[in-house]
């Protein structure tokens, strides 16, 4: 899936997801050569990453009041919606 759908699934912005993928913190696959790559993500890898994330607080914003992405209520809803949409294909 593309970065926009993957970001929706993880309940984070596309820009944040791409930054984490470039740093190797999120499983992603760059496609193409050169400076500008297109990133693709596998739903199964993202789901596994979310479930096994050792330190969910590592991906918080600098504000301490911000909840980690893995605990965001939207994340569970998005995983359920996108998961059923992928299985229906």
C-alpha atoms as a PDB file:
ATOM      1  CA  UNK A   1       0.000   0.000   0.000  1.00  0.00           C
ATOM      2  CA  UNK A   2       1.136   3.576  -0.506  1.00  0.00           C
ATOM      3  CA  UNK A   3       2.333   5.932   2.236  1.00  0.00           C
ATOM      4  CA  UNK A   4      -0.989   7.776   2.568  1.00  0.00           C
ATOM      5  CA  UNK A   5      -2.976   4.596   3.311  1.00  0.00           C
ATOM      6  CA  UNK A   6      -0.238   3.237   5.569  1.00  0.00           C
ATOM      7  CA  UNK A   7      -0.198   6.501   7.543  1.00  0.00           C
ATOM      8  CA  UNK A   8      -3.974   6.315   7.902  1.00  0.00           C
ATOM      9  CA  UNK A   9      -3.658   2.743   9.156  1.00  0.00           C
ATOM     10  CA  UNK A  10      -1.083   3.822  11.773  1.00  0.00           C
ATOM     11  CA  UNK A  11      -3.015   6.995  12.709  1.00  0.00           C
ATOM     12  CA  UNK A  12      -0.081   9.282  11.942  1.00  0.00           C
ATOM     13  CA  UNK A  13       0.735  11.796   9.258  1.00  0.00           C
ATOM     14  CA  UNK A  14       2.206  10.693   5.938  1.00  0.00           C
ATOM     15  CA  UNK A  15       5.213  12.937   6.533  1.00  0.00           C
ATOM     16  CA  UNK A  16       5.942  11.325   9.921  1.00  0.00           C
ATOM     17  CA  UNK A  17       5.571   7.830   8.498  1.00  0.00           C
ATOM     18  CA  UNK A  18       8.007   8.550   5.667  1.00  0.00           C
ATOM     19  CA  UNK A  19      10.533  10.062   8.081  1.00  0.00           C
ATOM     20  CA  UNK A  20      10.329   6.972  10.320  1.00  0.00           C
ATOM     21  CA  UNK A  21      10.628   4.652   7.309  1.00  0.00           C
ATOM     22  CA  UNK A  22      13.700   6.495   6.007  1.00  0.00           C
ATOM     23  CA  UNK A  23      15.335   6.096   9.443  1.00  0.00           C
ATOM     24  CA  UNK A  24      14.464   2.386   9.501  1.00  0.00           C
ATOM     25  CA  UNK A  25      12.090   2.636  12.471  1.00  0.00           C
ATOM     26  CA  UNK A  26       9.039   1.456  10.486  1.00  0.00           C
ATOM     27  CA  UNK A  27       9.068  -1.446   8.002  1.00  0.00           C
ATOM     28  CA  UNK A  28       8.873   0.003   4.507  1.00  0.00           C
ATOM     29  CA  UNK A  29      10.159  -0.710   1.042  1.00  0.00           C
ATOM     30  CA  UNK A  30      11.652   2.061  -1.131  1.00  0.00           C
ATOM     31  CA  UNK A  31      10.912   1.585  -4.816  1.00  0.00           C
ATOM     32  CA  UNK A  32      13.026   3.198  -7.502  1.00  0.00           C
ATOM     33  CA  UNK A  33      16.495   4.625  -7.721  1.00  0.00           C
ATOM     34  CA  UNK A  34      17.845   8.076  -7.135  1.00  0.00           C
ATOM     35  CA  UNK A  35      17.075  10.613  -4.462  1.00  0.00           C
ATOM     36  CA  UNK A  36      13.263  10.557  -4.734  1.00  0.00           C
ATOM     37  CA  UNK A  37      11.960   7.096  -3.964  1.00  0.00           C
ATOM     38  CA  UNK A  38       8.391   5.905  -3.726  1.00  0.00           C
ATOM     39  CA  UNK A  39       7.715   4.014  -0.522  1.00  0.00           C
ATOM     40  CA  UNK A  40       5.419   1.000  -0.262  1.00  0.00           C
ATOM     41  CA  UNK A  41       4.256  -0.669   2.918  1.00  0.00           C
ATOM     42  CA  UNK A  42       2.799  -4.093   3.677  1.00  0.00           C
ATOM     43  CA  UNK A  43      -0.194  -4.161   5.968  1.00  0.00           C
ATOM     44  CA  UNK A  44       0.978  -7.376   7.640  1.00  0.00           C
ATOM     45  CA  UNK A  45       4.405  -5.880   8.426  1.00  0.00           C
ATOM     46  CA  UNK A  46       2.905  -2.683   9.813  1.00  0.00           C
ATOM     47  CA  UNK A  47       0.482  -4.649  11.960  1.00  0.00           C
ATOM     48  CA  UNK A  48       3.313  -6.833  13.316  1.00  0.00           C
ATOM     49  CA  UNK A  49       5.411  -3.743  13.945  1.00  0.00           C
ATOM     50  CA  UNK A  50       2.575  -2.122  15.900  1.00  0.00           C
ATOM     51  CA  UNK A  51       2.048  -5.252  18.000  1.00  0.00           C
ATOM     52  CA  UNK A  52       5.729  -5.827  18.752  1.00  0.00           C
ATOM     53  CA  UNK A  53       6.864  -2.238  19.156  1.00  0.00           C
ATOM     54  CA  UNK A  54       9.165  -2.514  22.150  1.00  0.00           C
ATOM     55  CA  UNK A  55       8.970   1.136  23.167  1.00  0.00           C
ATOM     56  CA  UNK A  56       5.827   2.864  21.931  1.00  0.00           C
ATOM     57  CA  UNK A  57       6.912   6.089  23.652  1.00  0.00           C
ATOM     58  CA  UNK A  58       9.936   6.289  21.336  1.00  0.00           C
ATOM     59  CA  UNK A  59       7.724   7.644  18.577  1.00  0.00           C
ATOM     60  CA  UNK A  60       6.062  10.380  20.610  1.00  0.00           C
ATOM     61  CA  UNK A  61       6.228  13.997  19.696  1.00  0.00           C
ATOM     62  CA  UNK A  62       8.411  16.150  21.913  1.00  0.00           C
ATOM     63  CA  UNK A  63       5.364  17.162  23.953  1.00  0.00           C
ATOM     64  CA  UNK A  64       5.016  14.853  26.983  1.00  0.00           C
ATOM     65  CA  UNK A  65       1.225  15.134  26.913  1.00  0.00           C
ATOM     66  CA  UNK A  66       1.098  13.486  23.476  1.00  0.00           C
ATOM     67  CA  UNK A  67       0.073   9.824  23.628  1.00  0.00           C
ATOM     68  CA  UNK A  68       2.160   7.291  21.670  1.00  0.00           C
ATOM     69  CA  UNK A  69       0.752   6.378  18.286  1.00  0.00           C
ATOM     70  CA  UNK A  70       0.181   2.772  19.237  1.00  0.00           C
ATOM     71  CA  UNK A  71      -2.235   3.829  21.988  1.00  0.00           C
ATOM     72  CA  UNK A  72      -4.195   6.285  19.856  1.00  0.00           C
ATOM     73  CA  UNK A  73      -7.857   5.220  19.684  1.00  0.00           C
ATOM     74  CA  UNK A  74      -7.951   6.045  15.978  1.00  0.00           C
ATOM     75  CA  UNK A  75      -5.218   3.473  15.304  1.00  0.00           C
ATOM     76  CA  UNK A  76      -7.400   0.540  16.360  1.00  0.00           C
ATOM     77  CA  UNK A  77     -10.341   1.818  14.321  1.00  0.00           C
ATOM     78  CA  UNK A  78      -8.160   2.358  11.253  1.00  0.00           C
ATOM     79  CA  UNK A  79      -6.566  -1.079  11.590  1.00  0.00           C
ATOM     80  CA  UNK A  80     -10.017  -2.657  11.709  1.00  0.00           C
ATOM     81  CA  UNK A  81     -11.324  -0.702   8.702  1.00  0.00           C
ATOM     82  CA  UNK A  82      -8.258  -1.161   6.516  1.00  0.00           C
ATOM     83  CA  UNK A  83      -7.753  -4.766   7.555  1.00  0.00           C
ATOM     84  CA  UNK A  84     -11.254  -5.732   6.475  1.00  0.00           C
ATOM     85  CA  UNK A  85     -10.870  -3.772   3.219  1.00  0.00           C
ATOM     86  CA  UNK A  86      -7.648  -5.608   2.372  1.00  0.00           C
ATOM     87  CA  UNK A  87      -9.152  -9.016   3.185  1.00  0.00           C
ATOM     88  CA  UNK A  88     -12.145  -8.238   0.969  1.00  0.00           C
ATOM     89  CA  UNK A  89      -9.936  -7.845  -2.109  1.00  0.00           C
END
